[in-house]
Amino acid sequence: MNPVATPRGEHETRVKALRERLAAEDLAALIVLDHLSIRYLTGFTGSAGVVVVLPEEMVLFSDFRYRTQAREQAPQARFIEVEGEVSDPLGTVLAEVDGRVGVEKDHLTVLQWERFEPKLRAKETLLVGGLVQDLRRIKSVEEIRAISEACRLTVAVMDRVREIGVVGRSERDVALDLEMWARRHGSDVVPFAYIVAWGPNGAKPHAVAGDAIIGDNGLLVVDIGTTIDGYASDMTRTFATGEVGSECRRAFDVTLEAQEAARGFAGPGSRCSEVDRVARDIIEAHGLGGRFKHGLGHGVGLDVHEAPTLSHRSEDVLKQGMVVTIEPGVYLEGACGVRIEDTVVVTDRGVEVLTPYERGFTIVS
């Protein structure tokens, strides 16, 4: 599937909003290093580049490999082809800037700063974080379209678990089967390595699909996503391969109850910490609080893990247009794990599930 270009006017709206943020922070310019934020502002999808947002223009620095691509994807940015280090022409571009220059610290390496700093000595600089990422929290209609398409494809991939036969195969083999099907049916590069975790491996929240053979009468955690036009999706279901022990079945039922309650509670104006608390209280009430240690969810967009964060420490508040996951889990070390995850979009009245798929106790063979 060929990427669908974001309408040019949308990039202009984003840059205008960023300039308003810069003015509020008393910044005259911003050096953007995160390649996803560069894509968000310009449309440029290359893996090497730096953008400088100035009061009247944007400048995109990259090398000869991206000469044509930059001009096609980011016509609104002035392209400067760099033969050496990006830092070489940086001072010249910023020479006429009157005011403080912000430098994105979230993706700044020590090596980059060592190269940038001599070129910026004539300017007052400030290391800043989250300016573009904050804008990315609220998705436009076009962004929600892309995420929704990715979610629809992810649901179709998940349905393959019931069709391909998993018992007797390795986790790795099943994960590869699902990923190949996703790519063949329209996904860009998948947003993360698929998790297919059988039995005790399911008790590892970030398990790696390996050589373990999927057997009968246990739980299988499947965590997958796809990417459409650069936008990701994220979804987890836990399947059974037959009858399971009482503790693992209880873990499943409690996780499902917690996930349904959190989805029902979430909506515009909800504090992310309170949404997390709804799910966590249920799990704790069943004596399994110590088995759920990660946050309830995260934002989804150009990055599969971005702001806002749903956790007990989060200070974020859900707003209409945000896309987040809701994914409680219970992990019984040495026995099994359960996670049930949906990607949802916050609407004016609650949340809309973008990954509608059976969540109940489902047996696969």
Foldseek 3Di string as FASTA:
>chain_A
DDFDADPPVQLVVLLVLLVVVCVVVFAQKEKDDDQLLVCNNFVQNDPDWIWMRGPVAIEIEDAPVCPPVCCVRGVRHHYDHDPDDPLPCPLVVCVPGDTEYEYAPVPDDPVNCVSNVVSCVVHHYDYDYDSSLVVVQFADPVQVVQQLVFLVLVLVLVVCLQVPAQAFAFQVVSQVVSQVVSVVVAFDRWQDRKDWAAWLQQLDVPRHGDGDGHHAATKIKTWGWGGHSLWMFIWIAIAHAYHYDPVVVVQLVLQVVLLVQLQVPAAAFAFLLVSQVSSLVSCVVVVQNVQWDDFQKAFTGSHHHGDDTRHNPGRDGDHARGKMKGWTKGHDHPTHIGIGMFIWGHHNPGIDTSNDDDHDHHHHD
